[in-house]
PDB file of N, CA and C in Angstrom:
ATOM      1  N   UNK A   1    -135.179 -20.118  15.033  1.00  0.00           N
ATOM      2  CA  UNK A   1    -135.353 -18.991  14.420  1.00  0.00           C
ATOM      3  C   UNK A   1    -134.460 -17.960  15.422  1.00  0.00           C
ATOM      4  N   UNK A   2    -133.963 -17.054  14.576  1.00  0.00           N
ATOM      5  CA  UNK A   2    -133.159 -15.866  15.338  1.00  0.00           C
ATOM      6  C   UNK A   2    -134.282 -14.623  15.345  1.00  0.00           C
ATOM      7  N   UNK A   3    -134.570 -14.328  16.639  1.00  0.00           N
ATOM      8  CA  UNK A   3    -135.633 -13.389  16.857  1.00  0.00           C
ATOM      9  C   UNK A   3    -135.087 -12.058  17.470  1.00  0.00           C
ATOM     10  N   UNK A   4    -135.505 -11.008  16.991  1.00  0.00           N
ATOM     11  CA  UNK A   4    -135.500  -9.805  17.863  1.00  0.00           C
ATOM     12  C   UNK A   4    -136.842  -9.449  18.510  1.00  0.00           C
ATOM     13  N   UNK A   5    -136.882  -9.171  19.651  1.00  0.00           N
ATOM     14  CA  UNK A   5    -138.086  -8.865  20.475  1.00  0.00           C
ATOM     15  C   UNK A   5    -138.026  -7.510  20.735  1.00  0.00           C
ATOM     16  N   UNK A   6    -139.220  -6.906  20.442  1.00  0.00           N
ATOM     17  CA  UNK A   6    -139.285  -5.457  20.802  1.00  0.00           C
ATOM     18  C   UNK A   6    -140.645  -5.219  21.716  1.00  0.00           C
ATOM     19  N   UNK A   7    -140.435  -4.594  22.841  1.00  0.00           N
ATOM     20  CA  UNK A   7    -141.728  -4.554  23.839  1.00  0.00           C
ATOM     21  C   UNK A   7    -141.181  -3.837  25.029  1.00  0.00           C
ATOM     22  N   UNK A   8    -142.232  -3.288  25.913  1.00  0.00           N
ATOM     23  CA  UNK A   8    -141.733  -2.669  27.248  1.00  0.00           C
ATOM     24  C   UNK A   8    -142.712  -2.872  28.220  1.00  0.00           C
ATOM     25  N   UNK A   9    -144.002  -2.991  28.166  1.00  0.00           N
ATOM     26  CA  UNK A   9    -144.770  -3.053  29.336  1.00  0.00           C
ATOM     27  C   UNK A   9    -145.033  -4.558  29.879  1.00  0.00           C
ATOM     28  N   UNK A  10    -145.585  -4.603  30.958  1.00  0.00           N
ATOM     29  CA  UNK A  10    -145.578  -6.049  31.622  1.00  0.00           C
ATOM     30  C   UNK A  10    -146.310  -7.055  30.820  1.00  0.00           C
ATOM     31  N   UNK A  11    -147.391  -6.538  29.929  1.00  0.00           N
ATOM     32  CA  UNK A  11    -148.138  -7.450  29.152  1.00  0.00           C
ATOM     33  C   UNK A  11    -147.307  -8.166  27.908  1.00  0.00           C
ATOM     34  N   UNK A  12    -146.248  -7.337  27.773  1.00  0.00           N
ATOM     35  CA  UNK A  12    -145.329  -8.068  26.664  1.00  0.00           C
ATOM     36  C   UNK A  12    -144.454  -9.248  27.168  1.00  0.00           C
ATOM     37  N   UNK A  13    -144.340  -9.393  28.438  1.00  0.00           N
ATOM     38  CA  UNK A  13    -143.392 -10.348  29.101  1.00  0.00           C
ATOM     39  C   UNK A  13    -143.699 -11.640  28.872  1.00  0.00           C
ATOM     40  N   UNK A  14    -145.001 -12.049  28.874  1.00  0.00           N
ATOM     41  CA  UNK A  14    -145.497 -13.645  28.315  1.00  0.00           C
ATOM     42  C   UNK A  14    -145.123 -13.917  26.990  1.00  0.00           C
ATOM     43  N   UNK A  15    -145.314 -13.017  26.153  1.00  0.00           N
ATOM     44  CA  UNK A  15    -144.831 -13.343  24.775  1.00  0.00           C
ATOM     45  C   UNK A  15    -143.249 -13.393  24.534  1.00  0.00           C
ATOM     46  N   UNK A  16    -142.557 -12.521  25.412  1.00  0.00           N
ATOM     47  CA  UNK A  16    -141.146 -12.800  25.313  1.00  0.00           C
ATOM     48  C   UNK A  16    -140.651 -14.100  25.881  1.00  0.00           C
ATOM     49  N   UNK A  17    -141.260 -14.484  26.998  1.00  0.00           N
ATOM     50  CA  UNK A  17    -141.003 -15.605  27.612  1.00  0.00           C
ATOM     51  C   UNK A  17    -141.254 -16.864  26.861  1.00  0.00           C
ATOM     52  N   UNK A  18    -142.316 -16.813  26.164  1.00  0.00           N
ATOM     53  CA  UNK A  18    -142.571 -18.030  25.293  1.00  0.00           C
ATOM     54  C   UNK A  18    -141.645 -18.100  23.986  1.00  0.00           C
ATOM     55  N   UNK A  19    -141.389 -16.982  23.493  1.00  0.00           N
ATOM     56  CA  UNK A  19    -140.277 -16.844  22.541  1.00  0.00           C
ATOM     57  C   UNK A  19    -138.987 -17.412  22.989  1.00  0.00           C
ATOM     58  N   UNK A  20    -138.652 -16.987  24.232  1.00  0.00           N
ATOM     59  CA  UNK A  20    -137.262 -17.311  24.893  1.00  0.00           C
ATOM     60  C   UNK A  20    -137.248 -18.924  25.020  1.00  0.00           C
ATOM     61  N   UNK A  21    -138.373 -19.453  25.421  1.00  0.00           N
ATOM     62  CA  UNK A  21    -138.432 -20.987  25.499  1.00  0.00           C
ATOM     63  C   UNK A  21    -138.460 -21.683  24.068  1.00  0.00           C
ATOM     64  N   UNK A  22    -138.788 -21.188  23.234  1.00  0.00           N
ATOM     65  CA  UNK A  22    -138.864 -21.848  21.910  1.00  0.00           C
ATOM     66  C   UNK A  22    -138.044 -21.386  20.761  1.00  0.00           C
ATOM     67  N   UNK A  23    -137.354 -20.195  20.770  1.00  0.00           N
ATOM     68  CA  UNK A  23    -136.671 -19.711  19.803  1.00  0.00           C
ATOM     69  C   UNK A  23    -135.366 -18.945  20.391  1.00  0.00           C
ATOM     70  N   UNK A  24    -134.457 -18.587  19.309  1.00  0.00           N
ATOM     71  CA  UNK A  24    -133.227 -17.939  19.893  1.00  0.00           C
ATOM     72  C   UNK A  24    -133.472 -16.464  19.774  1.00  0.00           C
ATOM     73  N   UNK A  25    -133.501 -15.931  21.144  1.00  0.00           N
ATOM     74  CA  UNK A  25    -133.660 -14.362  21.149  1.00  0.00           C
ATOM     75  C   UNK A  25    -132.142 -13.827  21.035  1.00  0.00           C
ATOM     76  N   UNK A  26    -132.021 -12.983  19.802  1.00  0.00           N
ATOM     77  CA  UNK A  26    -130.549 -12.362  19.725  1.00  0.00           C
ATOM     78  C   UNK A  26    -130.392 -10.904  20.181  1.00  0.00           C
ATOM     79  N   UNK A  27    -131.762 -10.505  20.468  1.00  0.00           N
ATOM     80  CA  UNK A  27    -131.671  -9.059  21.004  1.00  0.00           C
ATOM     81  C   UNK A  27    -133.020  -8.805  21.491  1.00  0.00           C
ATOM     82  N   UNK A  28    -133.198  -7.938  22.486  1.00  0.00           N
ATOM     83  CA  UNK A  28    -134.555  -7.291  22.980  1.00  0.00           C
ATOM     84  C   UNK A  28    -134.295  -5.891  22.998  1.00  0.00           C
ATOM     85  N   UNK A  29    -135.221  -5.148  22.458  1.00  0.00           N
ATOM     86  CA  UNK A  29    -135.404  -3.804  22.440  1.00  0.00           C
ATOM     87  C   UNK A  29    -136.437  -3.267  23.289  1.00  0.00           C
ATOM     88  N   UNK A  30    -136.053  -2.463  24.109  1.00  0.00           N
ATOM     89  CA  UNK A  30    -137.197  -1.808  24.891  1.00  0.00           C
ATOM     90  C   UNK A  30    -136.858  -0.280  25.165  1.00  0.00           C
ATOM     91  N   UNK A  31    -137.849   0.471  25.754  1.00  0.00           N
ATOM     92  CA  UNK A  31    -137.633   1.755  26.024  1.00  0.00           C
ATOM     93  C   UNK A  31    -136.677   2.146  26.925  1.00  0.00           C
ATOM     94  N   UNK A  32    -135.945   3.166  27.040  1.00  0.00           N
ATOM     95  CA  UNK A  32    -135.029   3.497  28.125  1.00  0.00           C
ATOM     96  C   UNK A  32    -135.651   3.620  29.392  1.00  0.00           C
ATOM     97  N   UNK A  33    -134.886   3.352  30.491  1.00  0.00           N
ATOM     98  CA  UNK A  33    -135.375   3.442  31.865  1.00  0.00           C
ATOM     99  C   UNK A  33    -136.025   4.797  32.209  1.00  0.00           C
ATOM    100  N   UNK A  34    -137.062   4.935  32.929  1.00  0.00           N
ATOM    101  CA  UNK A  34    -137.864   6.155  33.249  1.00  0.00           C
ATOM    102  C   UNK A  34    -137.930   6.275  34.618  1.00  0.00           C
ATOM    103  N   UNK A  35    -137.885   7.759  34.983  1.00  0.00           N
ATOM    104  CA  UNK A  35    -138.045   7.998  36.412  1.00  0.00           C
ATOM    105  C   UNK A  35    -139.406   7.816  37.027  1.00  0.00           C
ATOM    106  N   UNK A  36    -139.479   7.092  38.284  1.00  0.00           N
ATOM    107  CA  UNK A  36    -140.778   6.907  38.777  1.00  0.00           C
ATOM    108  C   UNK A  36    -140.616   7.144  40.412  1.00  0.00           C
ATOM    109  N   UNK A  37    -141.785   7.462  40.910  1.00  0.00           N
ATOM    110  CA  UNK A  37    -141.801   7.579  42.321  1.00  0.00           C
ATOM    111  C   UNK A  37    -141.372   8.807  42.900  1.00  0.00           C
ATOM    112  N   UNK A  38    -141.491   8.948  44.101  1.00  0.00           N
ATOM    113  CA  UNK A  38    -141.238  10.337  44.763  1.00  0.00           C
ATOM    114  C   UNK A  38    -139.762  10.669  44.518  1.00  0.00           C
ATOM    115  N   UNK A  39    -138.846   9.926  44.488  1.00  0.00           N
ATOM    116  CA  UNK A  39    -137.542  10.186  44.267  1.00  0.00           C
ATOM    117  C   UNK A  39    -137.039  10.143  42.902  1.00  0.00           C
ATOM    118  N   UNK A  40    -137.972   9.759  41.964  1.00  0.00           N
ATOM    119  CA  UNK A  40    -137.716   9.945  40.553  1.00  0.00           C
ATOM    120  C   UNK A  40    -136.579   9.081  40.224  1.00  0.00           C
ATOM    121  N   UNK A  41    -136.502   7.861  40.885  1.00  0.00           N
ATOM    122  CA  UNK A  41    -135.325   6.934  40.534  1.00  0.00           C
ATOM    123  C   UNK A  41    -135.769   6.347  39.188  1.00  0.00           C
ATOM    124  N   UNK A  42    -134.690   6.118  38.369  1.00  0.00           N
ATOM    125  CA  UNK A  42    -134.733   5.243  37.181  1.00  0.00           C
ATOM    126  C   UNK A  42    -135.306   3.911  37.414  1.00  0.00           C
ATOM    127  N   UNK A  43    -136.477   3.464  36.804  1.00  0.00           N
ATOM    128  CA  UNK A  43    -136.729   2.189  36.790  1.00  0.00           C
ATOM    129  C   UNK A  43    -136.876   1.593  35.500  1.00  0.00           C
ATOM    130  N   UNK A  44    -136.398   0.205  35.457  1.00  0.00           N
ATOM    131  CA  UNK A  44    -136.350  -0.649  34.151  1.00  0.00           C
ATOM    132  C   UNK A  44    -137.760  -0.984  33.918  1.00  0.00           C
ATOM    133  N   UNK A  45    -138.014  -1.215  32.504  1.00  0.00           N
ATOM    134  CA  UNK A  45    -139.279  -1.670  32.054  1.00  0.00           C
ATOM    135  C   UNK A  45    -139.323  -3.130  32.667  1.00  0.00           C
ATOM    136  N   UNK A  46    -140.594  -3.819  32.593  1.00  0.00           N
ATOM    137  CA  UNK A  46    -140.620  -5.159  32.761  1.00  0.00           C
ATOM    138  C   UNK A  46    -139.995  -6.116  31.778  1.00  0.00           C
ATOM    139  N   UNK A  47    -139.964  -5.695  30.439  1.00  0.00           N
ATOM    140  CA  UNK A  47    -139.283  -6.376  29.619  1.00  0.00           C
ATOM    141  C   UNK A  47    -137.764  -6.366  29.841  1.00  0.00           C
ATOM    142  N   UNK A  48    -137.112  -5.235  30.265  1.00  0.00           N
ATOM    143  CA  UNK A  48    -135.729  -5.143  30.552  1.00  0.00           C
ATOM    144  C   UNK A  48    -135.475  -5.988  31.719  1.00  0.00           C
ATOM    145  N   UNK A  49    -136.221  -6.208  32.656  1.00  0.00           N
ATOM    146  CA  UNK A  49    -135.979  -7.048  33.864  1.00  0.00           C
ATOM    147  C   UNK A  49    -135.848  -8.330  33.409  1.00  0.00           C
ATOM    148  N   UNK A  50    -136.893  -8.840  32.587  1.00  0.00           N
ATOM    149  CA  UNK A  50    -136.829 -10.269  32.087  1.00  0.00           C
ATOM    150  C   UNK A  50    -135.409 -10.538  31.199  1.00  0.00           C
ATOM    151  N   UNK A  51    -135.199  -9.530  30.347  1.00  0.00           N
ATOM    152  CA  UNK A  51    -134.123  -9.725  29.450  1.00  0.00           C
ATOM    153  C   UNK A  51    -132.760  -9.995  30.154  1.00  0.00           C
ATOM    154  N   UNK A  52    -132.642  -8.958  31.250  1.00  0.00           N
ATOM    155  CA  UNK A  52    -131.569  -8.907  32.079  1.00  0.00           C
ATOM    156  C   UNK A  52    -131.314 -10.242  32.962  1.00  0.00           C
ATOM    157  N   UNK A  53    -132.366 -10.740  33.547  1.00  0.00           N
ATOM    158  CA  UNK A  53    -132.411 -11.984  34.292  1.00  0.00           C
ATOM    159  C   UNK A  53    -131.930 -13.255  33.322  1.00  0.00           C
ATOM    160  N   UNK A  54    -132.303 -13.220  32.059  1.00  0.00           N
ATOM    161  CA  UNK A  54    -131.950 -14.217  31.244  1.00  0.00           C
ATOM    162  C   UNK A  54    -130.605 -13.928  30.233  1.00  0.00           C
ATOM    163  N   UNK A  55    -129.997 -12.888  30.652  1.00  0.00           N
ATOM    164  CA  UNK A  55    -128.722 -12.488  30.095  1.00  0.00           C
ATOM    165  C   UNK A  55    -128.791 -12.372  28.486  1.00  0.00           C
ATOM    166  N   UNK A  56    -130.025 -11.739  27.966  1.00  0.00           N
ATOM    167  CA  UNK A  56    -130.181 -11.457  26.627  1.00  0.00           C
ATOM    168  C   UNK A  56    -129.603 -10.181  26.279  1.00  0.00           C
ATOM    169  N   UNK A  57    -129.044 -10.032  25.041  1.00  0.00           N
ATOM    170  CA  UNK A  57    -128.487  -8.713  24.598  1.00  0.00           C
ATOM    171  C   UNK A  57    -129.763  -7.733  24.564  1.00  0.00           C
ATOM    172  N   UNK A  58    -129.435  -6.538  24.894  1.00  0.00           N
ATOM    173  CA  UNK A  58    -130.482  -5.376  25.124  1.00  0.00           C
ATOM    174  C   UNK A  58    -130.183  -4.356  24.433  1.00  0.00           C
ATOM    175  N   UNK A  59    -131.164  -3.575  23.892  1.00  0.00           N
ATOM    176  CA  UNK A  59    -130.991  -2.328  23.244  1.00  0.00           C
ATOM    177  C   UNK A  59    -132.079  -1.240  24.002  1.00  0.00           C
ATOM    178  N   UNK A  60    -131.801  -0.052  24.268  1.00  0.00           N
ATOM    179  CA  UNK A  60    -132.798   0.768  24.905  1.00  0.00           C
ATOM    180  C   UNK A  60    -132.515   2.209  24.119  1.00  0.00           C
ATOM    181  N   UNK A  61    -132.761   2.210  22.774  1.00  0.00           N
ATOM    182  CA  UNK A  61    -132.574   3.398  22.037  1.00  0.00           C
ATOM    183  C   UNK A  61    -133.520   4.556  22.408  1.00  0.00           C
ATOM    184  N   UNK A  62    -133.289   5.822  22.308  1.00  0.00           N
ATOM    185  CA  UNK A  62    -134.074   6.927  22.442  1.00  0.00           C
ATOM    186  C   UNK A  62    -135.139   7.110  21.361  1.00  0.00           C
ATOM    187  N   UNK A  63    -134.632   6.823  20.166  1.00  0.00           N
ATOM    188  CA  UNK A  63    -135.362   6.739  18.925  1.00  0.00           C
ATOM    189  C   UNK A  63    -135.018   5.402  18.246  1.00  0.00           C
ATOM    190  N   UNK A  64    -136.042   4.777  17.982  1.00  0.00           N
ATOM    191  CA  UNK A  64    -136.032   3.302  17.327  1.00  0.00           C
ATOM    192  C   UNK A  64    -135.702   3.566  15.724  1.00  0.00           C
ATOM    193  N   UNK A  65    -136.127   4.709  15.270  1.00  0.00           N
ATOM    194  CA  UNK A  65    -136.093   4.770  13.693  1.00  0.00           C
ATOM    195  C   UNK A  65    -134.778   5.548  13.277  1.00  0.00           C
ATOM    196  N   UNK A  66    -133.845   5.957  14.368  1.00  0.00           N
ATOM    197  CA  UNK A  66    -132.651   6.434  13.967  1.00  0.00           C
ATOM    198  C   UNK A  66    -131.762   5.782  13.100  1.00  0.00           C
ATOM    199  N   UNK A  67    -131.015   6.208  12.187  1.00  0.00           N
ATOM    200  CA  UNK A  67    -130.345   5.357  11.198  1.00  0.00           C
ATOM    201  C   UNK A  67    -129.329   4.506  12.057  1.00  0.00           C
ATOM    202  N   UNK A  68    -128.685   4.949  12.968  1.00  0.00           N
ATOM    203  CA  UNK A  68    -127.634   4.011  13.857  1.00  0.00           C
ATOM    204  C   UNK A  68    -128.302   2.867  14.536  1.00  0.00           C
ATOM    205  N   UNK A  69    -129.657   2.908  14.899  1.00  0.00           N
ATOM    206  CA  UNK A  69    -130.287   1.819  15.574  1.00  0.00           C
ATOM    207  C   UNK A  69    -130.805   1.060  14.416  1.00  0.00           C
ATOM    208  N   UNK A  70    -131.364   1.335  13.323  1.00  0.00           N
ATOM    209  CA  UNK A  70    -131.632   0.597  12.151  1.00  0.00           C
ATOM    210  C   UNK A  70    -130.459  -0.222  11.560  1.00  0.00           C
ATOM    211  N   UNK A  71    -129.404   0.259  11.688  1.00  0.00           N
ATOM    212  CA  UNK A  71    -128.209  -0.398  11.009  1.00  0.00           C
ATOM    213  C   UNK A  71    -127.910  -1.452  12.126  1.00  0.00           C
ATOM    214  N   UNK A  72    -127.784  -1.086  13.328  1.00  0.00           N
ATOM    215  CA  UNK A  72    -127.509  -2.014  14.390  1.00  0.00           C
ATOM    216  C   UNK A  72    -128.536  -3.324  14.449  1.00  0.00           C
ATOM    217  N   UNK A  73    -129.633  -3.116  14.123  1.00  0.00           N
ATOM    218  CA  UNK A  73    -130.698  -4.061  14.144  1.00  0.00           C
ATOM    219  C   UNK A  73    -130.405  -4.855  12.795  1.00  0.00           C
ATOM    220  N   UNK A  74    -130.150  -4.399  11.646  1.00  0.00           N
ATOM    221  CA  UNK A  74    -129.913  -5.173  10.557  1.00  0.00           C
ATOM    222  C   UNK A  74    -128.637  -6.014  10.790  1.00  0.00           C
ATOM    223  N   UNK A  75    -127.607  -5.527  11.354  1.00  0.00           N
ATOM    224  CA  UNK A  75    -126.393  -6.426  11.708  1.00  0.00           C
ATOM    225  C   UNK A  75    -126.739  -7.654  12.494  1.00  0.00           C
ATOM    226  N   UNK A  76    -127.763  -7.758  13.088  1.00  0.00           N
ATOM    227  CA  UNK A  76    -128.259  -8.905  13.855  1.00  0.00           C
ATOM    228  C   UNK A  76    -128.756  -9.980  12.990  1.00  0.00           C
ATOM    229  N   UNK A  77    -128.927  -9.789  11.874  1.00  0.00           N
ATOM    230  CA  UNK A  77    -129.457 -10.568  10.774  1.00  0.00           C
ATOM    231  C   UNK A  77    -130.444 -11.502  11.330  1.00  0.00           C
ATOM    232  N   UNK A  78    -131.511 -11.023  11.880  1.00  0.00           N
ATOM    233  CA  UNK A  78    -132.671 -11.897  12.255  1.00  0.00           C
ATOM    234  C   UNK A  78    -133.617 -12.466  11.354  1.00  0.00           C
ATOM    235  N   UNK A  79    -134.080 -13.494  11.765  1.00  0.00           N
ATOM    236  CA  UNK A  79    -135.294 -14.123  10.843  1.00  0.00           C
ATOM    237  C   UNK A  79    -136.646 -13.509  11.133  1.00  0.00           C
ATOM    238  N   UNK A  80    -136.726 -12.915  12.384  1.00  0.00           N
ATOM    239  CA  UNK A  80    -137.870 -12.286  12.688  1.00  0.00           C
ATOM    240  C   UNK A  80    -137.806 -11.185  13.582  1.00  0.00           C
ATOM    241  N   UNK A  81    -138.719 -10.233  13.645  1.00  0.00           N
ATOM    242  CA  UNK A  81    -138.773  -9.245  14.616  1.00  0.00           C
ATOM    243  C   UNK A  81    -140.142  -9.382  15.046  1.00  0.00           C
ATOM    244  N   UNK A  82    -140.389  -9.592  16.542  1.00  0.00           N
ATOM    245  CA  UNK A  82    -141.452  -9.745  17.192  1.00  0.00           C
ATOM    246  C   UNK A  82    -141.657  -8.660  17.992  1.00  0.00           C
ATOM    247  N   UNK A  83    -143.098  -8.005  17.998  1.00  0.00           N
ATOM    248  CA  UNK A  83    -143.330  -6.942  18.781  1.00  0.00           C
ATOM    249  C   UNK A  83    -144.471  -7.401  19.800  1.00  0.00           C
ATOM    250  N   UNK A  84    -144.131  -6.975  21.071  1.00  0.00           N
ATOM    251  CA  UNK A  84    -145.044  -7.355  22.166  1.00  0.00           C
ATOM    252  C   UNK A  84    -145.947  -6.031  22.507  1.00  0.00           C
ATOM    253  N   UNK A  85    -147.020  -5.956  21.705  1.00  0.00           N
ATOM    254  CA  UNK A  85    -147.906  -4.752  22.194  1.00  0.00           C
ATOM    255  C   UNK A  85    -149.364  -5.152  21.671  1.00  0.00           C
ATOM    256  N   UNK A  86    -150.206  -4.327  22.369  1.00  0.00           N
ATOM    257  CA  UNK A  86    -151.660  -4.421  21.830  1.00  0.00           C
ATOM    258  C   UNK A  86    -152.039  -3.349  20.879  1.00  0.00           C
ATOM    259  N   UNK A  87    -152.689  -3.661  19.930  1.00  0.00           N
ATOM    260  CA  UNK A  87    -153.219  -2.602  19.110  1.00  0.00           C
ATOM    261  C   UNK A  87    -154.777  -2.607  19.125  1.00  0.00           C
TER     262      UNK A  87
END
């Protein structure tokens, strides 16, 4: 299956890893890097770190619902969009 994965925090990484091992991840969507620490250096999300290590295509849009982002996601022609979050 062609999967787009959406997630940011550490607890989303195990889900992404499982999907990576069993499906074709065609894109990972995560929040933009955020400043942290005393120096306010930009830090990647845990999901971005995993995606980068595995050389997965990555999107970090400021607004996920913007028409440009929606069009880009549609162009991937995914079979499934998986979301790594807790409700």
